[in-house]
Amino acid sequence: QTGPHAALSQKLLNEVAAARVCLLN
């Protein structure tokens, strides 16, 4: 998140969070 690709890191974090929510419901 603090590196040169911080924005991509955040987008991937959002995708992982969405996967978590979906697969745990």
PDBML (XML) file of the C-alpha atoms, coordinates in Angstrom:
<?xml version="1.0" encoding="UTF-8" ?>
<PDBx:datablock datablockName="MODEL"
   xmlns:PDBx="http://pdbml.pdb.org/schema/pdbx-v50.xsd"
   xmlns:xsi="http://www.w3.org/2001/XMLSchema-instance"
   xsi:schemaLocation="http://pdbml.pdb.org/schema/pdbx-v50.xsd pdbx-v50.xsd">
   <PDBx:atom_siteCategory>
      <PDBx:atom_site id="1">
         <PDBx:B_iso_or_equiv>0.00</PDBx:B_iso_or_equiv>
         <PDBx:Cartn_x>0.000</PDBx:Cartn_x>
         <PDBx:Cartn_y>0.000</PDBx:Cartn_y>
         <PDBx:Cartn_z>0.000</PDBx:Cartn_z>
         <PDBx:auth_asym_id>A</PDBx:auth_asym_id>
         <PDBx:auth_atom_id>CA</PDBx:auth_atom_id>
         <PDBx:auth_comp_id>GLN</PDBx:auth_comp_id>
         <PDBx:auth_seq_id>1</PDBx:auth_seq_id>
         <PDBx:group_PDB>ATOM</PDBx:group_PDB>
         <PDBx:label_alt_id xsi:nil="true" />
         <PDBx:label_asym_id>A</PDBx:label_asym_id>
         <PDBx:label_atom_id>CA</PDBx:label_atom_id>
         <PDBx:label_comp_id>GLN</PDBx:label_comp_id>
         <PDBx:label_entity_id>1</PDBx:label_entity_id>
         <PDBx:label_seq_id>1</PDBx:label_seq_id>
         <PDBx:occupancy>1.00</PDBx:occupancy>
         <PDBx:pdbx_PDB_model_num>1</PDBx:pdbx_PDB_model_num>
         <PDBx:type_symbol>C</PDBx:type_symbol>
      </PDBx:atom_site>
      <PDBx:atom_site id="2">
         <PDBx:B_iso_or_equiv>0.00</PDBx:B_iso_or_equiv>
         <PDBx:Cartn_x>2.891</PDBx:Cartn_x>
         <PDBx:Cartn_y>2.427</PDBx:Cartn_y>
         <PDBx:Cartn_z>0.400</PDBx:Cartn_z>
         <PDBx:auth_asym_id>A</PDBx:auth_asym_id>
         <PDBx:auth_atom_id>CA</PDBx:auth_atom_id>
         <PDBx:auth_comp_id>THR</PDBx:auth_comp_id>
         <PDBx:auth_seq_id>2</PDBx:auth_seq_id>
         <PDBx:group_PDB>ATOM</PDBx:group_PDB>
         <PDBx:label_alt_id xsi:nil="true" />
         <PDBx:label_asym_id>A</PDBx:label_asym_id>
         <PDBx:label_atom_id>CA</PDBx:label_atom_id>
         <PDBx:label_comp_id>THR</PDBx:label_comp_id>
         <PDBx:label_entity_id>1</PDBx:label_entity_id>
         <PDBx:label_seq_id>2</PDBx:label_seq_id>
         <PDBx:occupancy>1.00</PDBx:occupancy>
         <PDBx:pdbx_PDB_model_num>1</PDBx:pdbx_PDB_model_num>
         <PDBx:type_symbol>C</PDBx:type_symbol>
      </PDBx:atom_site>
      <PDBx:atom_site id="3">
         <PDBx:B_iso_or_equiv>0.00</PDBx:B_iso_or_equiv>
         <PDBx:Cartn_x>4.768</PDBx:Cartn_x>
         <PDBx:Cartn_y>1.403</PDBx:Cartn_y>
         <PDBx:Cartn_z>-2.740</PDBx:Cartn_z>
         <PDBx:auth_asym_id>A</PDBx:auth_asym_id>
         <PDBx:auth_atom_id>CA</PDBx:auth_atom_id>
         <PDBx:auth_comp_id>GLY</PDBx:auth_comp_id>
         <PDBx:auth_seq_id>3</PDBx:auth_seq_id>
         <PDBx:group_PDB>ATOM</PDBx:group_PDB>
         <PDBx:label_alt_id xsi:nil="true" />
         <PDBx:label_asym_id>A</PDBx:label_asym_id>
         <PDBx:label_atom_id>CA</PDBx:label_atom_id>
         <PDBx:label_comp_id>GLY</PDBx:label_comp_id>
         <PDBx:label_entity_id>1</PDBx:label_entity_id>
         <PDBx:label_seq_id>3</PDBx:label_seq_id>
         <PDBx:occupancy>1.00</PDBx:occupancy>
         <PDBx:pdbx_PDB_model_num>1</PDBx:pdbx_PDB_model_num>
         <PDBx:type_symbol>C</PDBx:type_symbol>
      </PDBx:atom_site>
      <PDBx:atom_site id="4">
         <PDBx:B_iso_or_equiv>0.00</PDBx:B_iso_or_equiv>
         <PDBx:Cartn_x>4.621</PDBx:Cartn_x>
         <PDBx:Cartn_y>2.648</PDBx:Cartn_y>
         <PDBx:Cartn_z>-6.315</PDBx:Cartn_z>
         <PDBx:auth_asym_id>A</PDBx:auth_asym_id>
         <PDBx:auth_atom_id>CA</PDBx:auth_atom_id>
         <PDBx:auth_comp_id>PRO</PDBx:auth_comp_id>
         <PDBx:auth_seq_id>4</PDBx:auth_seq_id>
         <PDBx:group_PDB>ATOM</PDBx:group_PDB>
         <PDBx:label_alt_id xsi:nil="true" />
         <PDBx:label_asym_id>A</PDBx:label_asym_id>
         <PDBx:label_atom_id>CA</PDBx:label_atom_id>
         <PDBx:label_comp_id>PRO</PDBx:label_comp_id>
         <PDBx:label_entity_id>1</PDBx:label_entity_id>
         <PDBx:label_seq_id>4</PDBx:label_seq_id>
         <PDBx:occupancy>1.00</PDBx:occupancy>
         <PDBx:pdbx_PDB_model_num>1</PDBx:pdbx_PDB_model_num>
         <PDBx:type_symbol>C</PDBx:type_symbol>
      </PDBx:atom_site>
      <PDBx:atom_site id="5">
         <PDBx:B_iso_or_equiv>0.00</PDBx:B_iso_or_equiv>
         <PDBx:Cartn_x>1.535</PDBx:Cartn_x>
         <PDBx:Cartn_y>0.537</PDBx:Cartn_y>
         <PDBx:Cartn_z>-7.050</PDBx:Cartn_z>
         <PDBx:auth_asym_id>A</PDBx:auth_asym_id>
         <PDBx:auth_atom_id>CA</PDBx:auth_atom_id>
         <PDBx:auth_comp_id>HIS</PDBx:auth_comp_id>
         <PDBx:auth_seq_id>5</PDBx:auth_seq_id>
         <PDBx:group_PDB>ATOM</PDBx:group_PDB>
         <PDBx:label_alt_id xsi:nil="true" />
         <PDBx:label_asym_id>A</PDBx:label_asym_id>
         <PDBx:label_atom_id>CA</PDBx:label_atom_id>
         <PDBx:label_comp_id>HIS</PDBx:label_comp_id>
         <PDBx:label_entity_id>1</PDBx:label_entity_id>
         <PDBx:label_seq_id>5</PDBx:label_seq_id>
         <PDBx:occupancy>1.00</PDBx:occupancy>
         <PDBx:pdbx_PDB_model_num>1</PDBx:pdbx_PDB_model_num>
         <PDBx:type_symbol>C</PDBx:type_symbol>
      </PDBx:atom_site>
      <PDBx:atom_site id="6">
         <PDBx:B_iso_or_equiv>0.00</PDBx:B_iso_or_equiv>
         <PDBx:Cartn_x>-0.501</PDBx:Cartn_x>
         <PDBx:Cartn_y>1.571</PDBx:Cartn_y>
         <PDBx:Cartn_z>-4.004</PDBx:Cartn_z>
         <PDBx:auth_asym_id>A</PDBx:auth_asym_id>
         <PDBx:auth_atom_id>CA</PDBx:auth_atom_id>
         <PDBx:auth_comp_id>ALA</PDBx:auth_comp_id>
         <PDBx:auth_seq_id>6</PDBx:auth_seq_id>
         <PDBx:group_PDB>ATOM</PDBx:group_PDB>
         <PDBx:label_alt_id xsi:nil="true" />
         <PDBx:label_asym_id>A</PDBx:label_asym_id>
         <PDBx:label_atom_id>CA</PDBx:label_atom_id>
         <PDBx:label_comp_id>ALA</PDBx:label_comp_id>
         <PDBx:label_entity_id>1</PDBx:label_entity_id>
         <PDBx:label_seq_id>6</PDBx:label_seq_id>
         <PDBx:occupancy>1.00</PDBx:occupancy>
         <PDBx:pdbx_PDB_model_num>1</PDBx:pdbx_PDB_model_num>
         <PDBx:type_symbol>C</PDBx:type_symbol>
      </PDBx:atom_site>
      <PDBx:atom_site id="7">
         <PDBx:B_iso_or_equiv>0.00</PDBx:B_iso_or_equiv>
         <PDBx:Cartn_x>-3.655</PDBx:Cartn_x>
         <PDBx:Cartn_y>2.164</PDBx:Cartn_y>
         <PDBx:Cartn_z>-6.040</PDBx:Cartn_z>
         <PDBx:auth_asym_id>A</PDBx:auth_asym_id>
         <PDBx:auth_atom_id>CA</PDBx:auth_atom_id>
         <PDBx:auth_comp_id>ALA</PDBx:auth_comp_id>
         <PDBx:auth_seq_id>7</PDBx:auth_seq_id>
         <PDBx:group_PDB>ATOM</PDBx:group_PDB>
         <PDBx:label_alt_id xsi:nil="true" />
         <PDBx:label_asym_id>A</PDBx:label_asym_id>
         <PDBx:label_atom_id>CA</PDBx:label_atom_id>
         <PDBx:label_comp_id>ALA</PDBx:label_comp_id>
         <PDBx:label_entity_id>1</PDBx:label_entity_id>
         <PDBx:label_seq_id>7</PDBx:label_seq_id>
         <PDBx:occupancy>1.00</PDBx:occupancy>
         <PDBx:pdbx_PDB_model_num>1</PDBx:pdbx_PDB_model_num>
         <PDBx:type_symbol>C</PDBx:type_symbol>
      </PDBx:atom_site>
      <PDBx:atom_site id="8">
         <PDBx:B_iso_or_equiv>0.00</PDBx:B_iso_or_equiv>
         <PDBx:Cartn_x>-3.500</PDBx:Cartn_x>
         <PDBx:Cartn_y>-1.346</PDBx:Cartn_y>
         <PDBx:Cartn_z>-7.542</PDBx:Cartn_z>
         <PDBx:auth_asym_id>A</PDBx:auth_asym_id>
         <PDBx:auth_atom_id>CA</PDBx:auth_atom_id>
         <PDBx:auth_comp_id>LEU</PDBx:auth_comp_id>
         <PDBx:auth_seq_id>8</PDBx:auth_seq_id>
         <PDBx:group_PDB>ATOM</PDBx:group_PDB>
         <PDBx:label_alt_id xsi:nil="true" />
         <PDBx:label_asym_id>A</PDBx:label_asym_id>
         <PDBx:label_atom_id>CA</PDBx:label_atom_id>
         <PDBx:label_comp_id>LEU</PDBx:label_comp_id>
         <PDBx:label_entity_id>1</PDBx:label_entity_id>
         <PDBx:label_seq_id>8</PDBx:label_seq_id>
         <PDBx:occupancy>1.00</PDBx:occupancy>
         <PDBx:pdbx_PDB_model_num>1</PDBx:pdbx_PDB_model_num>
         <PDBx:type_symbol>C</PDBx:type_symbol>
      </PDBx:atom_site>
      <PDBx:atom_site id="9">
         <PDBx:B_iso_or_equiv>0.00</PDBx:B_iso_or_equiv>
         <PDBx:Cartn_x>-2.909</PDBx:Cartn_x>
         <PDBx:Cartn_y>-2.748</PDBx:Cartn_y>
         <PDBx:Cartn_z>-4.064</PDBx:Cartn_z>
         <PDBx:auth_asym_id>A</PDBx:auth_asym_id>
         <PDBx:auth_atom_id>CA</PDBx:auth_atom_id>
         <PDBx:auth_comp_id>SER</PDBx:auth_comp_id>
         <PDBx:auth_seq_id>9</PDBx:auth_seq_id>
         <PDBx:group_PDB>ATOM</PDBx:group_PDB>
         <PDBx:label_alt_id xsi:nil="true" />
         <PDBx:label_asym_id>A</PDBx:label_asym_id>
         <PDBx:label_atom_id>CA</PDBx:label_atom_id>
         <PDBx:label_comp_id>SER</PDBx:label_comp_id>
         <PDBx:label_entity_id>1</PDBx:label_entity_id>
         <PDBx:label_seq_id>9</PDBx:label_seq_id>
         <PDBx:occupancy>1.00</PDBx:occupancy>
         <PDBx:pdbx_PDB_model_num>1</PDBx:pdbx_PDB_model_num>
         <PDBx:type_symbol>C</PDBx:type_symbol>
      </PDBx:atom_site>
      <PDBx:atom_site id="10">
         <PDBx:B_iso_or_equiv>0.00</PDBx:B_iso_or_equiv>
         <PDBx:Cartn_x>-6.068</PDBx:Cartn_x>
         <PDBx:Cartn_y>-1.050</PDBx:Cartn_y>
         <PDBx:Cartn_z>-2.828</PDBx:Cartn_z>
         <PDBx:auth_asym_id>A</PDBx:auth_asym_id>
         <PDBx:auth_atom_id>CA</PDBx:auth_atom_id>
         <PDBx:auth_comp_id>GLN</PDBx:auth_comp_id>
         <PDBx:auth_seq_id>10</PDBx:auth_seq_id>
         <PDBx:group_PDB>ATOM</PDBx:group_PDB>
         <PDBx:label_alt_id xsi:nil="true" />
         <PDBx:label_asym_id>A</PDBx:label_asym_id>
         <PDBx:label_atom_id>CA</PDBx:label_atom_id>
         <PDBx:label_comp_id>GLN</PDBx:label_comp_id>
         <PDBx:label_entity_id>1</PDBx:label_entity_id>
         <PDBx:label_seq_id>10</PDBx:label_seq_id>
         <PDBx:occupancy>1.00</PDBx:occupancy>
         <PDBx:pdbx_PDB_model_num>1</PDBx:pdbx_PDB_model_num>
         <PDBx:type_symbol>C</PDBx:type_symbol>
      </PDBx:atom_site>
      <PDBx:atom_site id="11">
         <PDBx:B_iso_or_equiv>0.00</PDBx:B_iso_or_equiv>
         <PDBx:Cartn_x>-8.112</PDBx:Cartn_x>
         <PDBx:Cartn_y>-2.326</PDBx:Cartn_y>
         <PDBx:Cartn_z>-5.766</PDBx:Cartn_z>
         <PDBx:auth_asym_id>A</PDBx:auth_asym_id>
         <PDBx:auth_atom_id>CA</PDBx:auth_atom_id>
         <PDBx:auth_comp_id>LYS</PDBx:auth_comp_id>
         <PDBx:auth_seq_id>11</PDBx:auth_seq_id>
         <PDBx:group_PDB>ATOM</PDBx:group_PDB>
         <PDBx:label_alt_id xsi:nil="true" />
         <PDBx:label_asym_id>A</PDBx:label_asym_id>
         <PDBx:label_atom_id>CA</PDBx:label_atom_id>
         <PDBx:label_comp_id>LYS</PDBx:label_comp_id>
         <PDBx:label_entity_id>1</PDBx:label_entity_id>
         <PDBx:label_seq_id>11</PDBx:label_seq_id>
         <PDBx:occupancy>1.00</PDBx:occupancy>
         <PDBx:pdbx_PDB_model_num>1</PDBx:pdbx_PDB_model_num>
         <PDBx:type_symbol>C</PDBx:type_symbol>
      </PDBx:atom_site>
      <PDBx:atom_site id="12">
         <PDBx:B_iso_or_equiv>0.00</PDBx:B_iso_or_equiv>
         <PDBx:Cartn_x>-6.909</PDBx:Cartn_x>
         <PDBx:Cartn_y>-5.876</PDBx:Cartn_y>
         <PDBx:Cartn_z>-5.144</PDBx:Cartn_z>
         <PDBx:auth_asym_id>A</PDBx:auth_asym_id>
         <PDBx:auth_atom_id>CA</PDBx:auth_atom_id>
         <PDBx:auth_comp_id>LEU</PDBx:auth_comp_id>
         <PDBx:auth_seq_id>12</PDBx:auth_seq_id>
         <PDBx:group_PDB>ATOM</PDBx:group_PDB>
         <PDBx:label_alt_id xsi:nil="true" />
         <PDBx:label_asym_id>A</PDBx:label_asym_id>
         <PDBx:label_atom_id>CA</PDBx:label_atom_id>
         <PDBx:label_comp_id>LEU</PDBx:label_comp_id>
         <PDBx:label_entity_id>1</PDBx:label_entity_id>
         <PDBx:label_seq_id>12</PDBx:label_seq_id>
         <PDBx:occupancy>1.00</PDBx:occupancy>
         <PDBx:pdbx_PDB_model_num>1</PDBx:pdbx_PDB_model_num>
         <PDBx:type_symbol>C</PDBx:type_symbol>
      </PDBx:atom_site>
      <PDBx:atom_site id="13">
         <PDBx:B_iso_or_equiv>0.00</PDBx:B_iso_or_equiv>
         <PDBx:Cartn_x>-7.701</PDBx:Cartn_x>
         <PDBx:Cartn_y>-5.488</PDBx:Cartn_y>
         <PDBx:Cartn_z>-1.440</PDBx:Cartn_z>
         <PDBx:auth_asym_id>A</PDBx:auth_asym_id>
         <PDBx:auth_atom_id>CA</PDBx:auth_atom_id>
         <PDBx:auth_comp_id>LEU</PDBx:auth_comp_id>
         <PDBx:auth_seq_id>13</PDBx:auth_seq_id>
         <PDBx:group_PDB>ATOM</PDBx:group_PDB>
         <PDBx:label_alt_id xsi:nil="true" />
         <PDBx:label_asym_id>A</PDBx:label_asym_id>
         <PDBx:label_atom_id>CA</PDBx:label_atom_id>
         <PDBx:label_comp_id>LEU</PDBx:label_comp_id>
         <PDBx:label_entity_id>1</PDBx:label_entity_id>
         <PDBx:label_seq_id>13</PDBx:label_seq_id>
         <PDBx:occupancy>1.00</PDBx:occupancy>
         <PDBx:pdbx_PDB_model_num>1</PDBx:pdbx_PDB_model_num>
         <PDBx:type_symbol>C</PDBx:type_symbol>
      </PDBx:atom_site>
      <PDBx:atom_site id="14">
         <PDBx:B_iso_or_equiv>0.00</PDBx:B_iso_or_equiv>
         <PDBx:Cartn_x>-11.228</PDBx:Cartn_x>
         <PDBx:Cartn_y>-4.479</PDBx:Cartn_y>
         <PDBx:Cartn_z>-2.424</PDBx:Cartn_z>
         <PDBx:auth_asym_id>A</PDBx:auth_asym_id>
         <PDBx:auth_atom_id>CA</PDBx:auth_atom_id>
         <PDBx:auth_comp_id>ASN</PDBx:auth_comp_id>
         <PDBx:auth_seq_id>14</PDBx:auth_seq_id>
         <PDBx:group_PDB>ATOM</PDBx:group_PDB>
         <PDBx:label_alt_id xsi:nil="true" />
         <PDBx:label_asym_id>A</PDBx:label_asym_id>
         <PDBx:label_atom_id>CA</PDBx:label_atom_id>
         <PDBx:label_comp_id>ASN</PDBx:label_comp_id>
         <PDBx:label_entity_id>1</PDBx:label_entity_id>
         <PDBx:label_seq_id>14</PDBx:label_seq_id>
         <PDBx:occupancy>1.00</PDBx:occupancy>
         <PDBx:pdbx_PDB_model_num>1</PDBx:pdbx_PDB_model_num>
         <PDBx:type_symbol>C</PDBx:type_symbol>
      </PDBx:atom_site>
      <PDBx:atom_site id="15">
         <PDBx:B_iso_or_equiv>0.00</PDBx:B_iso_or_equiv>
         <PDBx:Cartn_x>-11.541</PDBx:Cartn_x>
         <PDBx:Cartn_y>-7.554</PDBx:Cartn_y>
         <PDBx:Cartn_z>-4.655</PDBx:Cartn_z>
         <PDBx:auth_asym_id>A</PDBx:auth_asym_id>
         <PDBx:auth_atom_id>CA</PDBx:auth_atom_id>
         <PDBx:auth_comp_id>GLU</PDBx:auth_comp_id>
         <PDBx:auth_seq_id>15</PDBx:auth_seq_id>
         <PDBx:group_PDB>ATOM</PDBx:group_PDB>
         <PDBx:label_alt_id xsi:nil="true" />
         <PDBx:label_asym_id>A</PDBx:label_asym_id>
         <PDBx:label_atom_id>CA</PDBx:label_atom_id>
         <PDBx:label_comp_id>GLU</PDBx:label_comp_id>
         <PDBx:label_entity_id>1</PDBx:label_entity_id>
         <PDBx:label_seq_id>15</PDBx:label_seq_id>
         <PDBx:occupancy>1.00</PDBx:occupancy>
         <PDBx:pdbx_PDB_model_num>1</PDBx:pdbx_PDB_model_num>
         <PDBx:type_symbol>C</PDBx:type_symbol>
      </PDBx:atom_site>
      <PDBx:atom_site id="16">
         <PDBx:B_iso_or_equiv>0.00</PDBx:B_iso_or_equiv>
         <PDBx:Cartn_x>-10.300</PDBx:Cartn_x>
         <PDBx:Cartn_y>-9.834</PDBx:Cartn_y>
         <PDBx:Cartn_z>-1.864</PDBx:Cartn_z>
         <PDBx:auth_asym_id>A</PDBx:auth_asym_id>
         <PDBx:auth_atom_id>CA</PDBx:auth_atom_id>
         <PDBx:auth_comp_id>VAL</PDBx:auth_comp_id>
         <PDBx:auth_seq_id>16</PDBx:auth_seq_id>
         <PDBx:group_PDB>ATOM</PDBx:group_PDB>
         <PDBx:label_alt_id xsi:nil="true" />
         <PDBx:label_asym_id>A</PDBx:label_asym_id>
         <PDBx:label_atom_id>CA</PDBx:label_atom_id>
         <PDBx:label_comp_id>VAL</PDBx:label_comp_id>
         <PDBx:label_entity_id>1</PDBx:label_entity_id>
         <PDBx:label_seq_id>16</PDBx:label_seq_id>
         <PDBx:occupancy>1.00</PDBx:occupancy>
         <PDBx:pdbx_PDB_model_num>1</PDBx:pdbx_PDB_model_num>
         <PDBx:type_symbol>C</PDBx:type_symbol>
      </PDBx:atom_site>
      <PDBx:atom_site id="17">
         <PDBx:B_iso_or_equiv>0.00</PDBx:B_iso_or_equiv>
         <PDBx:Cartn_x>-12.741</PDBx:Cartn_x>
         <PDBx:Cartn_y>-8.207</PDBx:Cartn_y>
         <PDBx:Cartn_z>0.568</PDBx:Cartn_z>
         <PDBx:auth_asym_id>A</PDBx:auth_asym_id>
         <PDBx:auth_atom_id>CA</PDBx:auth_atom_id>
         <PDBx:auth_comp_id>ALA</PDBx:auth_comp_id>
         <PDBx:auth_seq_id>17</PDBx:auth_seq_id>
         <PDBx:group_PDB>ATOM</PDBx:group_PDB>
         <PDBx:label_alt_id xsi:nil="true" />
         <PDBx:label_asym_id>A</PDBx:label_asym_id>
         <PDBx:label_atom_id>CA</PDBx:label_atom_id>
         <PDBx:label_comp_id>ALA</PDBx:label_comp_id>
         <PDBx:label_entity_id>1</PDBx:label_entity_id>
         <PDBx:label_seq_id>17</PDBx:label_seq_id>
         <PDBx:occupancy>1.00</PDBx:occupancy>
         <PDBx:pdbx_PDB_model_num>1</PDBx:pdbx_PDB_model_num>
         <PDBx:type_symbol>C</PDBx:type_symbol>
      </PDBx:atom_site>
      <PDBx:atom_site id="18">
         <PDBx:B_iso_or_equiv>0.00</PDBx:B_iso_or_equiv>
         <PDBx:Cartn_x>-15.599</PDBx:Cartn_x>
         <PDBx:Cartn_y>-8.759</PDBx:Cartn_y>
         <PDBx:Cartn_z>-1.902</PDBx:Cartn_z>
         <PDBx:auth_asym_id>A</PDBx:auth_asym_id>
         <PDBx:auth_atom_id>CA</PDBx:auth_atom_id>
         <PDBx:auth_comp_id>ALA</PDBx:auth_comp_id>
         <PDBx:auth_seq_id>18</PDBx:auth_seq_id>
         <PDBx:group_PDB>ATOM</PDBx:group_PDB>
         <PDBx:label_alt_id xsi:nil="true" />
         <PDBx:label_asym_id>A</PDBx:label_asym_id>
         <PDBx:label_atom_id>CA</PDBx:label_atom_id>
         <PDBx:label_comp_id>ALA</PDBx:label_comp_id>
         <PDBx:label_entity_id>1</PDBx:label_entity_id>
         <PDBx:label_seq_id>18</PDBx:label_seq_id>
         <PDBx:occupancy>1.00</PDBx:occupancy>
         <PDBx:pdbx_PDB_model_num>1</PDBx:pdbx_PDB_model_num>
         <PDBx:type_symbol>C</PDBx:type_symbol>
      </PDBx:atom_site>
      <PDBx:atom_site id="19">
         <PDBx:B_iso_or_equiv>0.00</PDBx:B_iso_or_equiv>
         <PDBx:Cartn_x>-14.557</PDBx:Cartn_x>
         <PDBx:Cartn_y>-12.404</PDBx:Cartn_y>
         <PDBx:Cartn_z>-2.318</PDBx:Cartn_z>
         <PDBx:auth_asym_id>A</PDBx:auth_asym_id>
         <PDBx:auth_atom_id>CA</PDBx:auth_atom_id>
         <PDBx:auth_comp_id>ALA</PDBx:auth_comp_id>
         <PDBx:auth_seq_id>19</PDBx:auth_seq_id>
         <PDBx:group_PDB>ATOM</PDBx:group_PDB>
         <PDBx:label_alt_id xsi:nil="true" />
         <PDBx:label_asym_id>A</PDBx:label_asym_id>
         <PDBx:label_atom_id>CA</PDBx:label_atom_id>
         <PDBx:label_comp_id>ALA</PDBx:label_comp_id>
         <PDBx:label_entity_id>1</PDBx:label_entity_id>
         <PDBx:label_seq_id>19</PDBx:label_seq_id>
         <PDBx:occupancy>1.00</PDBx:occupancy>
         <PDBx:pdbx_PDB_model_num>1</PDBx:pdbx_PDB_model_num>
         <PDBx:type_symbol>C</PDBx:type_symbol>
      </PDBx:atom_site>
      <PDBx:atom_site id="20">
         <PDBx:B_iso_or_equiv>0.00</PDBx:B_iso_or_equiv>
         <PDBx:Cartn_x>-14.483</PDBx:Cartn_x>
         <PDBx:Cartn_y>-12.833</PDBx:Cartn_y>
         <PDBx:Cartn_z>1.458</PDBx:Cartn_z>
         <PDBx:auth_asym_id>A</PDBx:auth_asym_id>
         <PDBx:auth_atom_id>CA</PDBx:auth_atom_id>
         <PDBx:auth_comp_id>ARG</PDBx:auth_comp_id>
         <PDBx:auth_seq_id>20</PDBx:auth_seq_id>
         <PDBx:group_PDB>ATOM</PDBx:group_PDB>
         <PDBx:label_alt_id xsi:nil="true" />
         <PDBx:label_asym_id>A</PDBx:label_asym_id>
         <PDBx:label_atom_id>CA</PDBx:label_atom_id>
         <PDBx:label_comp_id>ARG</PDBx:label_comp_id>
         <PDBx:label_entity_id>1</PDBx:label_entity_id>
         <PDBx:label_seq_id>20</PDBx:label_seq_id>
         <PDBx:occupancy>1.00</PDBx:occupancy>
         <PDBx:pdbx_PDB_model_num>1</PDBx:pdbx_PDB_model_num>
         <PDBx:type_symbol>C</PDBx:type_symbol>
      </PDBx:atom_site>
      <PDBx:atom_site id="21">
         <PDBx:B_iso_or_equiv>0.00</PDBx:B_iso_or_equiv>
         <PDBx:Cartn_x>-17.954</PDBx:Cartn_x>
         <PDBx:Cartn_y>-11.360</PDBx:Cartn_y>
         <PDBx:Cartn_z>1.919</PDBx:Cartn_z>
         <PDBx:auth_asym_id>A</PDBx:auth_asym_id>
         <PDBx:auth_atom_id>CA</PDBx:auth_atom_id>
         <PDBx:auth_comp_id>VAL</PDBx:auth_comp_id>
         <PDBx:auth_seq_id>21</PDBx:auth_seq_id>
         <PDBx:group_PDB>ATOM</PDBx:group_PDB>
         <PDBx:label_alt_id xsi:nil="true" />
         <PDBx:label_asym_id>A</PDBx:label_asym_id>
         <PDBx:label_atom_id>CA</PDBx:label_atom_id>
         <PDBx:label_comp_id>VAL</PDBx:label_comp_id>
         <PDBx:label_entity_id>1</PDBx:label_entity_id>
         <PDBx:label_seq_id>21</PDBx:label_seq_id>
         <PDBx:occupancy>1.00</PDBx:occupancy>
         <PDBx:pdbx_PDB_model_num>1</PDBx:pdbx_PDB_model_num>
         <PDBx:type_symbol>C</PDBx:type_symbol>
      </PDBx:atom_site>
      <PDBx:atom_site id="22">
         <PDBx:B_iso_or_equiv>0.00</PDBx:B_iso_or_equiv>
         <PDBx:Cartn_x>-19.406</PDBx:Cartn_x>
         <PDBx:Cartn_y>-13.458</PDBx:Cartn_y>
         <PDBx:Cartn_z>-0.891</PDBx:Cartn_z>
         <PDBx:auth_asym_id>A</PDBx:auth_asym_id>
         <PDBx:auth_atom_id>CA</PDBx:auth_atom_id>
         <PDBx:auth_comp_id>CYS</PDBx:auth_comp_id>
         <PDBx:auth_seq_id>22</PDBx:auth_seq_id>
         <PDBx:group_PDB>ATOM</PDBx:group_PDB>
         <PDBx:label_alt_id xsi:nil="true" />
         <PDBx:label_asym_id>A</PDBx:label_asym_id>
         <PDBx:label_atom_id>CA</PDBx:label_atom_id>
         <PDBx:label_comp_id>CYS</PDBx:label_comp_id>
         <PDBx:label_entity_id>1</PDBx:label_entity_id>
         <PDBx:label_seq_id>22</PDBx:label_seq_id>
         <PDBx:occupancy>1.00</PDBx:occupancy>
         <PDBx:pdbx_PDB_model_num>1</PDBx:pdbx_PDB_model_num>
         <PDBx:type_symbol>C</PDBx:type_symbol>
      </PDBx:atom_site>
      <PDBx:atom_site id="23">
         <PDBx:B_iso_or_equiv>0.00</PDBx:B_iso_or_equiv>
         <PDBx:Cartn_x>-17.847</PDBx:Cartn_x>
         <PDBx:Cartn_y>-16.784</PDBx:Cartn_y>
         <PDBx:Cartn_z>0.132</PDBx:Cartn_z>
         <PDBx:auth_asym_id>A</PDBx:auth_asym_id>
         <PDBx:auth_atom_id>CA</PDBx:auth_atom_id>
         <PDBx:auth_comp_id>LEU</PDBx:auth_comp_id>
         <PDBx:auth_seq_id>23</PDBx:auth_seq_id>
         <PDBx:group_PDB>ATOM</PDBx:group_PDB>
         <PDBx:label_alt_id xsi:nil="true" />
         <PDBx:label_asym_id>A</PDBx:label_asym_id>
         <PDBx:label_atom_id>CA</PDBx:label_atom_id>
         <PDBx:label_comp_id>LEU</PDBx:label_comp_id>
         <PDBx:label_entity_id>1</PDBx:label_entity_id>
         <PDBx:label_seq_id>23</PDBx:label_seq_id>
         <PDBx:occupancy>1.00</PDBx:occupancy>
         <PDBx:pdbx_PDB_model_num>1</PDBx:pdbx_PDB_model_num>
         <PDBx:type_symbol>C</PDBx:type_symbol>
      </PDBx:atom_site>
      <PDBx:atom_site id="24">
         <PDBx:B_iso_or_equiv>0.00</PDBx:B_iso_or_equiv>
         <PDBx:Cartn_x>-18.658</PDBx:Cartn_x>
         <PDBx:Cartn_y>-16.395</PDBx:Cartn_y>
         <PDBx:Cartn_z>3.841</PDBx:Cartn_z>
         <PDBx:auth_asym_id>A</PDBx:auth_asym_id>
         <PDBx:auth_atom_id>CA</PDBx:auth_atom_id>
         <PDBx:auth_comp_id>LEU</PDBx:auth_comp_id>
         <PDBx:auth_seq_id>24</PDBx:auth_seq_id>
         <PDBx:group_PDB>ATOM</PDBx:group_PDB>
         <PDBx:label_alt_id xsi:nil="true" />
         <PDBx:label_asym_id>A</PDBx:label_asym_id>
         <PDBx:label_atom_id>CA</PDBx:label_atom_id>
         <PDBx:label_comp_id>LEU</PDBx:label_comp_id>
         <PDBx:label_entity_id>1</PDBx:label_entity_id>
         <PDBx:label_seq_id>24</PDBx:label_seq_id>
         <PDBx:occupancy>1.00</PDBx:occupancy>
         <PDBx:pdbx_PDB_model_num>1</PDBx:pdbx_PDB_model_num>
         <PDBx:type_symbol>C</PDBx:type_symbol>
      </PDBx:atom_site>
      <PDBx:atom_site id="25">
         <PDBx:B_iso_or_equiv>0.00</PDBx:B_iso_or_equiv>
         <PDBx:Cartn_x>-22.348</PDBx:Cartn_x>
         <PDBx:Cartn_y>-15.640</PDBx:Cartn_y>
         <PDBx:Cartn_z>3.234</PDBx:Cartn_z>
         <PDBx:auth_asym_id>A</PDBx:auth_asym_id>
         <PDBx:auth_atom_id>CA</PDBx:auth_atom_id>
         <PDBx:auth_comp_id>ASN</PDBx:auth_comp_id>
         <PDBx:auth_seq_id>25</PDBx:auth_seq_id>
         <PDBx:group_PDB>ATOM</PDBx:group_PDB>
         <PDBx:label_alt_id xsi:nil="true" />
         <PDBx:label_asym_id>A</PDBx:label_asym_id>
         <PDBx:label_atom_id>CA</PDBx:label_atom_id>
         <PDBx:label_comp_id>ASN</PDBx:label_comp_id>
         <PDBx:label_entity_id>1</PDBx:label_entity_id>
         <PDBx:label_seq_id>25</PDBx:label_seq_id>
         <PDBx:occupancy>1.00</PDBx:occupancy>
         <PDBx:pdbx_PDB_model_num>1</PDBx:pdbx_PDB_model_num>
         <PDBx:type_symbol>C</PDBx:type_symbol>
      </PDBx:atom_site>
   </PDBx:atom_siteCategory>
</PDBx:datablock>
